[in-house]
Amino acid sequence: MLAGLPSLKELSYFRNRSSTGGNVNSLRVLKDTLENEKVAIEDCPNVQGNFMELADFPRLKELHLMHTRMTGDIRDIGERDFLALETLTLPSGVYTVELAMSPAHF
């Protein structure tokens, strides 16, 4: 269904507390067709998965995943991951370290 939207630049999914959930890996179908500059999934406690599922989206500039059940480890981000990313907000389920982050770190 989402693969049929090749001109989509921004995907937002907010405040869906009654949803039965979903997994971020379902967005993989958008990787090469989506002109995805921004993905925001916030205040959706039933959405889960590892945030690294989106690491190889080539045009992703903003990723917001607050108040979801997303997991992962920020230390897994490599030099070939999130190449265009400028803004990243992660939920408490993701292991992070106290760093001053800037685009140069990605």
PDB file of N, CA and C in Angstrom:
ATOM      1  N   MET A   1       0.823  -1.187   0.000  1.00  0.00           N
ATOM      2  CA  MET A   1       0.000   0.000   0.000  1.00  0.00           C
ATOM      3  C   MET A   1       0.873   1.260   0.000  1.00  0.00           C
ATOM      4  N   LEU A   2       1.825   1.375   0.912  1.00  0.00           N
ATOM      5  CA  LEU A   2       2.659   2.574   0.980  1.00  0.00           C
ATOM      6  C   LEU A   2       3.601   2.709  -0.215  1.00  0.00           C
ATOM      7  N   ALA A   3       3.978   1.612  -0.832  1.00  0.00           N
ATOM      8  CA  ALA A   3       4.874   1.662  -1.980  1.00  0.00           C
ATOM      9  C   ALA A   3       4.250   2.397  -3.161  1.00  0.00           C
ATOM     10  N   GLY A   4       2.963   2.581  -3.158  1.00  0.00           N
ATOM     11  CA  GLY A   4       2.264   3.284  -4.224  1.00  0.00           C
ATOM     12  C   GLY A   4       2.292   4.796  -4.073  1.00  0.00           C
ATOM     13  N   LEU A   5       3.121   5.310  -3.174  1.00  0.00           N
ATOM     14  CA  LEU A   5       3.207   6.753  -2.934  1.00  0.00           C
ATOM     15  C   LEU A   5       4.631   7.247  -3.201  1.00  0.00           C
ATOM     16  N   PRO A   6       5.112   7.205  -4.437  1.00  0.00           N
ATOM     17  CA  PRO A   6       6.510   7.530  -4.718  1.00  0.00           C
ATOM     18  C   PRO A   6       6.898   8.988  -4.514  1.00  0.00           C
ATOM     19  N   SER A   7       5.956   9.898  -4.416  1.00  0.00           N
ATOM     20  CA  SER A   7       6.285  11.312  -4.223  1.00  0.00           C
ATOM     21  C   SER A   7       6.205  11.753  -2.761  1.00  0.00           C
ATOM     22  N   LEU A   8       5.910  10.823  -1.883  1.00  0.00           N
ATOM     23  CA  LEU A   8       5.779  11.138  -0.459  1.00  0.00           C
ATOM     24  C   LEU A   8       7.115  11.600   0.117  1.00  0.00           C
ATOM     25  N   LYS A   9       7.112  12.778   0.755  1.00  0.00           N
ATOM     26  CA  LYS A   9       8.327  13.315   1.356  1.00  0.00           C
ATOM     27  C   LYS A   9       8.324  13.201   2.868  1.00  0.00           C
ATOM     28  N   GLU A  10       7.161  13.097   3.449  1.00  0.00           N
ATOM     29  CA  GLU A  10       7.057  13.111   4.900  1.00  0.00           C
ATOM     30  C   GLU A  10       5.985  12.118   5.332  1.00  0.00           C
ATOM     31  N   LEU A  11       6.311  11.319   6.333  1.00  0.00           N
ATOM     32  CA  LEU A  11       5.359  10.365   6.884  1.00  0.00           C
ATOM     33  C   LEU A  11       5.237  10.642   8.372  1.00  0.00           C
ATOM     34  N   SER A  12       4.029  10.971   8.824  1.00  0.00           N
ATOM     35  CA  SER A  12       3.781  11.269  10.233  1.00  0.00           C
ATOM     36  C   SER A  12       2.658  10.382  10.746  1.00  0.00           C
ATOM     37  N   TYR A  13       2.867   9.849  11.937  1.00  0.00           N
ATOM     38  CA  TYR A  13       1.890   8.990  12.595  1.00  0.00           C
ATOM     39  C   TYR A  13       1.899   9.390  14.065  1.00  0.00           C
ATOM     40  N   PHE A  14       0.871  10.130  14.496  1.00  0.00           N
ATOM     41  CA  PHE A  14       0.855  10.724  15.826  1.00  0.00           C
ATOM     42  C   PHE A  14      -0.321  10.246  16.667  1.00  0.00           C
ATOM     43  N   ARG A  15      -0.070  10.133  17.945  1.00  0.00           N
ATOM     44  CA  ARG A  15      -1.086   9.922  18.976  1.00  0.00           C
ATOM     45  C   ARG A  15      -2.095   8.828  18.652  1.00  0.00           C
ATOM     46  N   ASN A  16      -1.611   7.694  18.227  1.00  0.00           N
ATOM     47  CA  ASN A  16      -2.509   6.580  17.963  1.00  0.00           C
ATOM     48  C   ASN A  16      -2.326   5.547  19.069  1.00  0.00           C
ATOM     49  N   ARG A  17      -2.966   5.806  20.187  1.00  0.00           N
ATOM     50  CA  ARG A  17      -2.830   4.938  21.353  1.00  0.00           C
ATOM     51  C   ARG A  17      -3.734   3.712  21.274  1.00  0.00           C
ATOM     52  N   SER A  18      -4.750   3.742  20.438  1.00  0.00           N
ATOM     53  CA  SER A  18      -5.685   2.623  20.372  1.00  0.00           C
ATOM     54  C   SER A  18      -5.307   1.608  19.293  1.00  0.00           C
ATOM     55  N   SER A  19      -4.318   1.919  18.494  1.00  0.00           N
ATOM     56  CA  SER A  19      -3.882   1.013  17.441  1.00  0.00           C
ATOM     57  C   SER A  19      -3.407  -0.308  18.035  1.00  0.00           C
ATOM     58  N   THR A  20      -3.608  -1.384  17.301  1.00  0.00           N
ATOM     59  CA  THR A  20      -3.102  -2.676  17.757  1.00  0.00           C
ATOM     60  C   THR A  20      -1.601  -2.754  17.573  1.00  0.00           C
ATOM     61  N   GLY A  21      -1.026  -1.775  16.917  1.00  0.00           N
ATOM     62  CA  GLY A  21       0.427  -1.727  16.787  1.00  0.00           C
ATOM     63  C   GLY A  21       0.906  -2.003  15.390  1.00  0.00           C
ATOM     64  N   GLY A  22       2.176  -2.133  15.306  1.00  0.00           N
ATOM     65  CA  GLY A  22       2.825  -2.387  14.050  1.00  0.00           C
ATOM     66  C   GLY A  22       4.325  -2.389  14.278  1.00  0.00           C
ATOM     67  N   ASN A  23       5.056  -2.710  13.245  1.00  0.00           N
ATOM     68  CA  ASN A  23       6.505  -2.771  13.357  1.00  0.00           C
ATOM     69  C   ASN A  23       7.112  -1.838  12.319  1.00  0.00           C
ATOM     70  N   VAL A  24       8.138  -1.134  12.726  1.00  0.00           N
ATOM     71  CA  VAL A  24       8.775  -0.173  11.833  1.00  0.00           C
ATOM     72  C   VAL A  24       9.345  -0.848  10.589  1.00  0.00           C
ATOM     73  N   ASN A  25       9.616  -2.131  10.638  1.00  0.00           N
ATOM     74  CA  ASN A  25      10.154  -2.794   9.446  1.00  0.00           C
ATOM     75  C   ASN A  25       9.150  -2.827   8.302  1.00  0.00           C
ATOM     76  N   SER A  26       7.866  -2.558   8.586  1.00  0.00           N
ATOM     77  CA  SER A  26       6.876  -2.475   7.508  1.00  0.00           C
ATOM     78  C   SER A  26       7.121  -1.261   6.619  1.00  0.00           C
ATOM     79  N   LEU A  27       7.923  -0.300   7.081  1.00  0.00           N
ATOM     80  CA  LEU A  27       8.265   0.867   6.266  1.00  0.00           C
ATOM     81  C   LEU A  27       9.374   0.570   5.261  1.00  0.00           C
ATOM     82  N   ARG A  28       9.968  -0.613   5.331  1.00  0.00           N
ATOM     83  CA  ARG A  28      11.062  -0.981   4.418  1.00  0.00           C
ATOM     84  C   ARG A  28      10.646  -0.868   2.952  1.00  0.00           C
ATOM     85  N   VAL A  29       9.369  -1.062   2.648  1.00  0.00           N
ATOM     86  CA  VAL A  29       8.908  -0.971   1.262  1.00  0.00           C
ATOM     87  C   VAL A  29       9.096   0.432   0.702  1.00  0.00           C
ATOM     88  N   LEU A  30       9.279   1.418   1.568  1.00  0.00           N
ATOM     89  CA  LEU A  30       9.437   2.808   1.131  1.00  0.00           C
ATOM     90  C   LEU A  30      10.892   3.204   0.890  1.00  0.00           C
ATOM     91  N   LYS A  31      11.823   2.362   1.244  1.00  0.00           N
ATOM     92  CA  LYS A  31      13.240   2.725   1.224  1.00  0.00           C
ATOM     93  C   LYS A  31      13.696   3.340  -0.092  1.00  0.00           C
ATOM     94  N   ASP A  32      13.417   2.703  -1.203  1.00  0.00           N
ATOM     95  CA  ASP A  32      13.914   3.176  -2.485  1.00  0.00           C
ATOM     96  C   ASP A  32      12.919   4.001  -3.284  1.00  0.00           C
ATOM     97  N   THR A  33      11.653   4.000  -2.889  1.00  0.00           N
ATOM     98  CA  THR A  33      10.665   4.748  -3.653  1.00  0.00           C
ATOM     99  C   THR A  33      10.282   6.056  -2.981  1.00  0.00           C
ATOM    100  N   LEU A  34      10.405   6.110  -1.679  1.00  0.00           N
ATOM    101  CA  LEU A  34       9.994   7.296  -0.926  1.00  0.00           C
ATOM    102  C   LEU A  34      11.067   8.367  -0.974  1.00  0.00           C
ATOM    103  N   GLU A  35      10.672   9.564  -1.311  1.00  0.00           N
ATOM    104  CA  GLU A  35      11.568  10.714  -1.196  1.00  0.00           C
ATOM    105  C   GLU A  35      11.516  11.148   0.260  1.00  0.00           C
ATOM    106  N   ASN A  36      11.766  10.193   1.117  1.00  0.00           N
ATOM    107  CA  ASN A  36      11.538  10.378   2.545  1.00  0.00           C
ATOM    108  C   ASN A  36      12.551  11.309   3.174  1.00  0.00           C
ATOM    109  N   GLU A  37      12.084  12.475   3.479  1.00  0.00           N
ATOM    110  CA  GLU A  37      12.918  13.426   4.175  1.00  0.00           C
ATOM    111  C   GLU A  37      12.623  13.406   5.662  1.00  0.00           C
ATOM    112  N   LYS A  38      11.400  12.983   6.027  1.00  0.00           N
ATOM    113  CA  LYS A  38      11.036  12.985   7.436  1.00  0.00           C
ATOM    114  C   LYS A  38      10.113  11.818   7.748  1.00  0.00           C
ATOM    115  N   VAL A  39      10.442  11.089   8.801  1.00  0.00           N
ATOM    116  CA  VAL A  39       9.567  10.064   9.342  1.00  0.00           C
ATOM    117  C   VAL A  39       9.364  10.405  10.810  1.00  0.00           C
ATOM    118  N   ALA A  40       8.115  10.602  11.199  1.00  0.00           N
ATOM    119  CA  ALA A  40       7.777  10.920  12.586  1.00  0.00           C
ATOM    120  C   ALA A  40       6.694   9.954  13.053  1.00  0.00           C
ATOM    121  N   ILE A  41       7.044   9.134  14.018  1.00  0.00           N
ATOM    122  CA  ILE A  41       6.091   8.232  14.663  1.00  0.00           C
ATOM    123  C   ILE A  41       6.194   8.553  16.144  1.00  0.00           C
ATOM    124  N   GLU A  42       5.197   9.254  16.658  1.00  0.00           N
ATOM    125  CA  GLU A  42       5.285   9.740  18.033  1.00  0.00           C
ATOM    126  C   GLU A  42       3.988   9.497  18.790  1.00  0.00           C
ATOM    127  N   ASP A  43       4.147   9.202  20.063  1.00  0.00           N
ATOM    128  CA  ASP A  43       3.029   8.950  20.966  1.00  0.00           C
ATOM    129  C   ASP A  43       2.162   7.809  20.444  1.00  0.00           C
ATOM    130  N   CYS A  44       2.831   6.768  19.978  1.00  0.00           N
ATOM    131  CA  CYS A  44       2.180   5.558  19.481  1.00  0.00           C
ATOM    132  C   CYS A  44       2.806   4.377  20.226  1.00  0.00           C
ATOM    133  N   PRO A  45       2.345   4.099  21.441  1.00  0.00           N
ATOM    134  CA  PRO A  45       3.012   3.116  22.287  1.00  0.00           C
ATOM    135  C   PRO A  45       2.970   1.679  21.778  1.00  0.00           C
ATOM    136  N   ASN A  46       2.179   1.386  20.774  1.00  0.00           N
ATOM    137  CA  ASN A  46       2.116   0.025  20.256  1.00  0.00           C
ATOM    138  C   ASN A  46       2.968  -0.195  19.007  1.00  0.00           C
ATOM    139  N   VAL A  47       3.667   0.833  18.552  1.00  0.00           N
ATOM    140  CA  VAL A  47       4.582   0.679  17.412  1.00  0.00           C
ATOM    141  C   VAL A  47       5.934   0.241  17.969  1.00  0.00           C
ATOM    142  N   GLN A  48       6.480  -0.800  17.388  1.00  0.00           N
ATOM    143  CA  GLN A  48       7.722  -1.359  17.903  1.00  0.00           C
ATOM    144  C   GLN A  48       8.700  -1.678  16.783  1.00  0.00           C
ATOM    145  N   GLY A  49       9.853  -2.192  17.155  1.00  0.00           N
ATOM    146  CA  GLY A  49      10.890  -2.571  16.218  1.00  0.00           C
ATOM    147  C   GLY A  49      12.196  -1.898  16.589  1.00  0.00           C
ATOM    148  N   ASN A  50      13.202  -2.118  15.771  1.00  0.00           N
ATOM    149  CA  ASN A  50      14.523  -1.542  16.000  1.00  0.00           C
ATOM    150  C   ASN A  50      14.684  -0.331  15.090  1.00  0.00           C
ATOM    151  N   PHE A  51      15.078   0.797  15.657  1.00  0.00           N
ATOM    152  CA  PHE A  51      15.210   2.014  14.851  1.00  0.00           C
ATOM    153  C   PHE A  51      16.223   1.845  13.721  1.00  0.00           C
ATOM    154  N   MET A  52      17.143   0.905  13.846  1.00  0.00           N
ATOM    155  CA  MET A  52      18.160   0.676  12.803  1.00  0.00           C
ATOM    156  C   MET A  52      17.557   0.113  11.514  1.00  0.00           C
ATOM    157  N   GLU A  53      16.297  -0.317  11.545  1.00  0.00           N
ATOM    158  CA  GLU A  53      15.611  -0.770  10.324  1.00  0.00           C
ATOM    159  C   GLU A  53      15.560   0.355   9.286  1.00  0.00           C
ATOM    160  N   LEU A  54      15.682   1.603   9.735  1.00  0.00           N
ATOM    161  CA  LEU A  54      15.601   2.755   8.837  1.00  0.00           C
ATOM    162  C   LEU A  54      16.978   3.348   8.525  1.00  0.00           C
ATOM    163  N   ALA A  55      18.037   2.715   8.965  1.00  0.00           N
ATOM    164  CA  ALA A  55      19.393   3.264   8.848  1.00  0.00           C
ATOM    165  C   ALA A  55      19.862   3.446   7.413  1.00  0.00           C
ATOM    166  N   ASP A  56      19.344   2.661   6.484  1.00  0.00           N
ATOM    167  CA  ASP A  56      19.825   2.749   5.101  1.00  0.00           C
ATOM    168  C   ASP A  56      18.867   3.485   4.171  1.00  0.00           C
ATOM    169  N   PHE A  57      17.951   4.267   4.733  1.00  0.00           N
ATOM    170  CA  PHE A  57      17.087   5.112   3.909  1.00  0.00           C
ATOM    171  C   PHE A  57      17.947   6.287   3.418  1.00  0.00           C
ATOM    172  N   PRO A  58      18.213   6.371   2.143  1.00  0.00           N
ATOM    173  CA  PRO A  58      19.226   7.305   1.643  1.00  0.00           C
ATOM    174  C   PRO A  58      18.914   8.792   1.785  1.00  0.00           C
ATOM    175  N   ARG A  59      17.635   9.182   1.849  1.00  0.00           N
ATOM    176  CA  ARG A  59      17.292  10.605   1.892  1.00  0.00           C
ATOM    177  C   ARG A  59      16.676  11.061   3.215  1.00  0.00           C
ATOM    178  N   LEU A  60      16.675  10.185   4.192  1.00  0.00           N
ATOM    179  CA  LEU A  60      16.048  10.494   5.473  1.00  0.00           C
ATOM    180  C   LEU A  60      16.835  11.567   6.215  1.00  0.00           C
ATOM    181  N   LYS A  61      16.181  12.722   6.413  1.00  0.00           N
ATOM    182  CA  LYS A  61      16.816  13.851   7.104  1.00  0.00           C
ATOM    183  C   LYS A  61      16.377  13.961   8.555  1.00  0.00           C
ATOM    184  N   GLU A  62      15.129  13.579   8.835  1.00  0.00           N
ATOM    185  CA  GLU A  62      14.595  13.678  10.192  1.00  0.00           C
ATOM    186  C   GLU A  62      13.935  12.367  10.579  1.00  0.00           C
ATOM    187  N   LEU A  63      14.240  11.902  11.786  1.00  0.00           N
ATOM    188  CA  LEU A  63      13.624  10.695  12.315  1.00  0.00           C
ATOM    189  C   LEU A  63      13.215  10.965  13.759  1.00  0.00           C
ATOM    190  N   HIS A  64      11.914  10.898  14.005  1.00  0.00           N
ATOM    191  CA  HIS A  64      11.352  11.159  15.334  1.00  0.00           C
ATOM    192  C   HIS A  64      10.550   9.936  15.762  1.00  0.00           C
ATOM    193  N   LEU A  65      10.946   9.321  16.864  1.00  0.00           N
ATOM    194  CA  LEU A  65      10.307   8.084  17.316  1.00  0.00           C
ATOM    195  C   LEU A  65       9.922   8.123  18.793  1.00  0.00           C
ATOM    196  N   MET A  66       9.640   9.291  19.323  1.00  0.00           N
ATOM    197  CA  MET A  66       9.348   9.431  20.751  1.00  0.00           C
ATOM    198  C   MET A  66       8.037   8.742  21.145  1.00  0.00           C
ATOM    199  N   HIS A  67       8.050   8.187  22.343  1.00  0.00           N
ATOM    200  CA  HIS A  67       6.887   7.547  22.952  1.00  0.00           C
ATOM    201  C   HIS A  67       6.361   6.392  22.110  1.00  0.00           C
ATOM    202  N   THR A  68       7.301   5.568  21.647  1.00  0.00           N
ATOM    203  CA  THR A  68       6.982   4.319  20.957  1.00  0.00           C
ATOM    204  C   THR A  68       7.682   3.193  21.714  1.00  0.00           C
ATOM    205  N   ARG A  69       7.513   1.969  21.270  1.00  0.00           N
ATOM    206  CA  ARG A  69       8.200   0.829  21.878  1.00  0.00           C
ATOM    207  C   ARG A  69       9.431   0.442  21.072  1.00  0.00           C
ATOM    208  N   MET A  70       9.988   1.388  20.350  1.00  0.00           N
ATOM    209  CA  MET A  70      11.178   1.142  19.546  1.00  0.00           C
ATOM    210  C   MET A  70      12.359   0.807  20.447  1.00  0.00           C
ATOM    211  N   THR A  71      13.241  -0.037  19.942  1.00  0.00           N
ATOM    212  CA  THR A  71      14.428  -0.435  20.687  1.00  0.00           C
ATOM    213  C   THR A  71      15.663  -0.259  19.811  1.00  0.00           C
ATOM    214  N   GLY A  72      16.802  -0.591  20.351  1.00  0.00           N
ATOM    215  CA  GLY A  72      18.055  -0.536  19.616  1.00  0.00           C
ATOM    216  C   GLY A  72      19.149   0.061  20.469  1.00  0.00           C
ATOM    217  N   ASP A  73      20.268   0.306  19.831  1.00  0.00           N
ATOM    218  CA  ASP A  73      21.442   0.833  20.521  1.00  0.00           C
ATOM    219  C   ASP A  73      22.102   1.852  19.612  1.00  0.00           C
ATOM    220  N   ILE A  74      22.208   3.070  20.073  1.00  0.00           N
ATOM    221  CA  ILE A  74      22.775   4.135  19.252  1.00  0.00           C
ATOM    222  C   ILE A  74      24.223   3.830  18.853  1.00  0.00           C
ATOM    223  N   ARG A  75      24.881   2.972  19.622  1.00  0.00           N
ATOM    224  CA  ARG A  75      26.264   2.593  19.294  1.00  0.00           C
ATOM    225  C   ARG A  75      26.342   1.726  18.048  1.00  0.00           C
ATOM    226  N   ASP A  76      25.204   1.228  17.567  1.00  0.00           N
ATOM    227  CA  ASP A  76      25.183   0.423  16.345  1.00  0.00           C
ATOM    228  C   ASP A  76      25.240   1.271  15.081  1.00  0.00           C
ATOM    229  N   ILE A  77      25.083   2.578  15.205  1.00  0.00           N
ATOM    230  CA  ILE A  77      25.119   3.447  14.025  1.00  0.00           C
ATOM    231  C   ILE A  77      26.537   3.491  13.477  1.00  0.00           C
ATOM    232  N   GLY A  78      26.672   3.069  12.220  1.00  0.00           N
ATOM    233  CA  GLY A  78      27.975   3.055  11.562  1.00  0.00           C
ATOM    234  C   GLY A  78      28.118   4.213  10.584  1.00  0.00           C
ATOM    235  N   GLU A  79      29.266   4.297   9.965  1.00  0.00           N
ATOM    236  CA  GLU A  79      29.537   5.425   9.065  1.00  0.00           C
ATOM    237  C   GLU A  79      28.713   5.382   7.791  1.00  0.00           C
ATOM    238  N   ARG A  80      28.109   4.270   7.463  1.00  0.00           N
ATOM    239  CA  ARG A  80      27.256   4.155   6.275  1.00  0.00           C
ATOM    240  C   ARG A  80      25.769   4.188   6.612  1.00  0.00           C
ATOM    241  N   ASP A  81      25.435   4.482   7.868  1.00  0.00           N
ATOM    242  CA  ASP A  81      24.047   4.528   8.314  1.00  0.00           C
ATOM    243  C   ASP A  81      23.564   5.968   8.417  1.00  0.00           C
ATOM    244  N   PHE A  82      22.303   6.178   8.110  1.00  0.00           N
ATOM    245  CA  PHE A  82      21.665   7.494   8.250  1.00  0.00           C
ATOM    246  C   PHE A  82      22.508   8.591   7.586  1.00  0.00           C
ATOM    247  N   LEU A  83      22.872   8.407   6.342  1.00  0.00           N
ATOM    248  CA  LEU A  83      23.795   9.314   5.656  1.00  0.00           C
ATOM    249  C   LEU A  83      23.307  10.745   5.536  1.00  0.00           C
ATOM    250  N   ALA A  84      22.000  10.964   5.404  1.00  0.00           N
ATOM    251  CA  ALA A  84      21.473  12.324   5.243  1.00  0.00           C
ATOM    252  C   ALA A  84      20.863  12.876   6.530  1.00  0.00           C
ATOM    253  N   LEU A  85      20.883  12.092   7.604  1.00  0.00           N
ATOM    254  CA  LEU A  85      20.173  12.461   8.829  1.00  0.00           C
ATOM    255  C   LEU A  85      20.737  13.721   9.471  1.00  0.00           C
ATOM    256  N   GLU A  86      19.804  14.629   9.806  1.00  0.00           N
ATOM    257  CA  GLU A  86      20.150  15.879  10.486  1.00  0.00           C
ATOM    258  C   GLU A  86      19.542  15.946  11.881  1.00  0.00           C
ATOM    259  N   THR A  87      18.382  15.298  12.073  1.00  0.00           N
ATOM    260  CA  THR A  87      17.681  15.342  13.350  1.00  0.00           C
ATOM    261  C   THR A  87      17.238  13.938  13.730  1.00  0.00           C
ATOM    262  N   LEU A  88      17.510  13.564  14.989  1.00  0.00           N
ATOM    263  CA  LEU A  88      17.153  12.241  15.476  1.00  0.00           C
ATOM    264  C   LEU A  88      16.631  12.365  16.906  1.00  0.00           C
ATOM    265  N   THR A  89      15.393  11.921  17.136  1.00  0.00           N
ATOM    266  CA  THR A  89      14.854  11.847  18.491  1.00  0.00           C
ATOM    267  C   THR A  89      14.422  10.406  18.729  1.00  0.00           C
ATOM    268  N   LEU A  90      14.886   9.847  19.834  1.00  0.00           N
ATOM    269  CA  LEU A  90      14.673   8.432  20.115  1.00  0.00           C
ATOM    270  C   LEU A  90      13.932   8.241  21.431  1.00  0.00           C
ATOM    271  N   PRO A  91      13.179   7.151  21.552  1.00  0.00           N
ATOM    272  CA  PRO A  91      12.460   6.864  22.796  1.00  0.00           C
ATOM    273  C   PRO A  91      13.390   6.263  23.847  1.00  0.00           C
ATOM    274  N   SER A  92      12.870   6.101  25.038  1.00  0.00           N
ATOM    275  CA  SER A  92      13.678   5.576  26.136  1.00  0.00           C
ATOM    276  C   SER A  92      14.082   4.124  25.944  1.00  0.00           C
ATOM    277  N   GLY A  93      13.424   3.400  25.047  1.00  0.00           N
ATOM    278  CA  GLY A  93      13.778   2.011  24.786  1.00  0.00           C
ATOM    279  C   GLY A  93      15.054   1.831  23.991  1.00  0.00           C
ATOM    280  N   VAL A  94      15.588   2.910  23.465  1.00  0.00           N
ATOM    281  CA  VAL A  94      16.837   2.865  22.703  1.00  0.00           C
ATOM    282  C   VAL A  94      17.971   3.259  23.625  1.00  0.00           C
ATOM    283  N   TYR A  95      19.024   2.439  23.637  1.00  0.00           N
ATOM    284  CA  TYR A  95      20.187   2.767  24.458  1.00  0.00           C
ATOM    285  C   TYR A  95      20.918   3.932  23.810  1.00  0.00           C
ATOM    286  N   THR A  96      21.129   4.983  24.592  1.00  0.00           N
ATOM    287  CA  THR A  96      21.863   6.148  24.112  1.00  0.00           C
ATOM    288  C   THR A  96      22.955   6.489  25.113  1.00  0.00           C
ATOM    289  N   VAL A  97      23.871   7.303  24.679  1.00  0.00           N
ATOM    290  CA  VAL A  97      24.919   7.801  25.554  1.00  0.00           C
ATOM    291  C   VAL A  97      24.824   9.305  25.577  1.00  0.00           C
ATOM    292  N   GLU A  98      25.326   9.922  26.602  1.00  0.00           N
ATOM    293  CA  GLU A  98      25.290  11.377  26.706  1.00  0.00           C
ATOM    294  C   GLU A  98      26.360  11.968  25.794  1.00  0.00           C
ATOM    295  N   LEU A  99      25.934  12.479  24.659  1.00  0.00           N
ATOM    296  CA  LEU A  99      26.845  13.088  23.693  1.00  0.00           C
ATOM    297  C   LEU A  99      26.229  14.377  23.169  1.00  0.00           C
ATOM    298  N   ALA A 100      27.065  15.267  22.760  1.00  0.00           N
ATOM    299  CA  ALA A 100      26.589  16.441  22.030  1.00  0.00           C
ATOM    300  C   ALA A 100      26.525  16.018  20.565  1.00  0.00           C
ATOM    301  N   MET A 101      25.329  15.736  20.065  1.00  0.00           N
ATOM    302  CA  MET A 101      25.171  15.232  18.698  1.00  0.00           C
ATOM    303  C   MET A 101      25.069  16.374  17.699  1.00  0.00           C
ATOM    304  N   SER A 102      25.724  16.198  16.592  1.00  0.00           N
ATOM    305  CA  SER A 102      25.610  17.124  15.478  1.00  0.00           C
ATOM    306  C   SER A 102      25.631  16.282  14.215  1.00  0.00           C
ATOM    307  N   PRO A 103      25.232  16.850  13.065  1.00  0.00           N
ATOM    308  CA  PRO A 103      25.239  16.068  11.825  1.00  0.00           C
ATOM    309  C   PRO A 103      26.612  15.480  11.501  1.00  0.00           C
ATOM    310  N   ALA A 104      27.679  16.078  12.002  1.00  0.00           N
ATOM    311  CA  ALA A 104      29.016  15.568  11.719  1.00  0.00           C
ATOM    312  C   ALA A 104      29.249  14.189  12.339  1.00  0.00           C
ATOM    313  N   HIS A 105      28.463  13.838  13.379  1.00  0.00           N
ATOM    314  CA  HIS A 105      28.615  12.540  14.019  1.00  0.00           C
ATOM    315  C   HIS A 105      28.011  11.417  13.198  1.00  0.00           C
ATOM    316  N   PHE A 106      27.211  11.752  12.212  1.00  0.00           N
ATOM    317  CA  PHE A 106      26.545  10.717  11.416  1.00  0.00           C
ATOM    318  C   PHE A 106      27.184  10.620  10.076  1.00  0.00           C
TER     319      PHE A 106
END
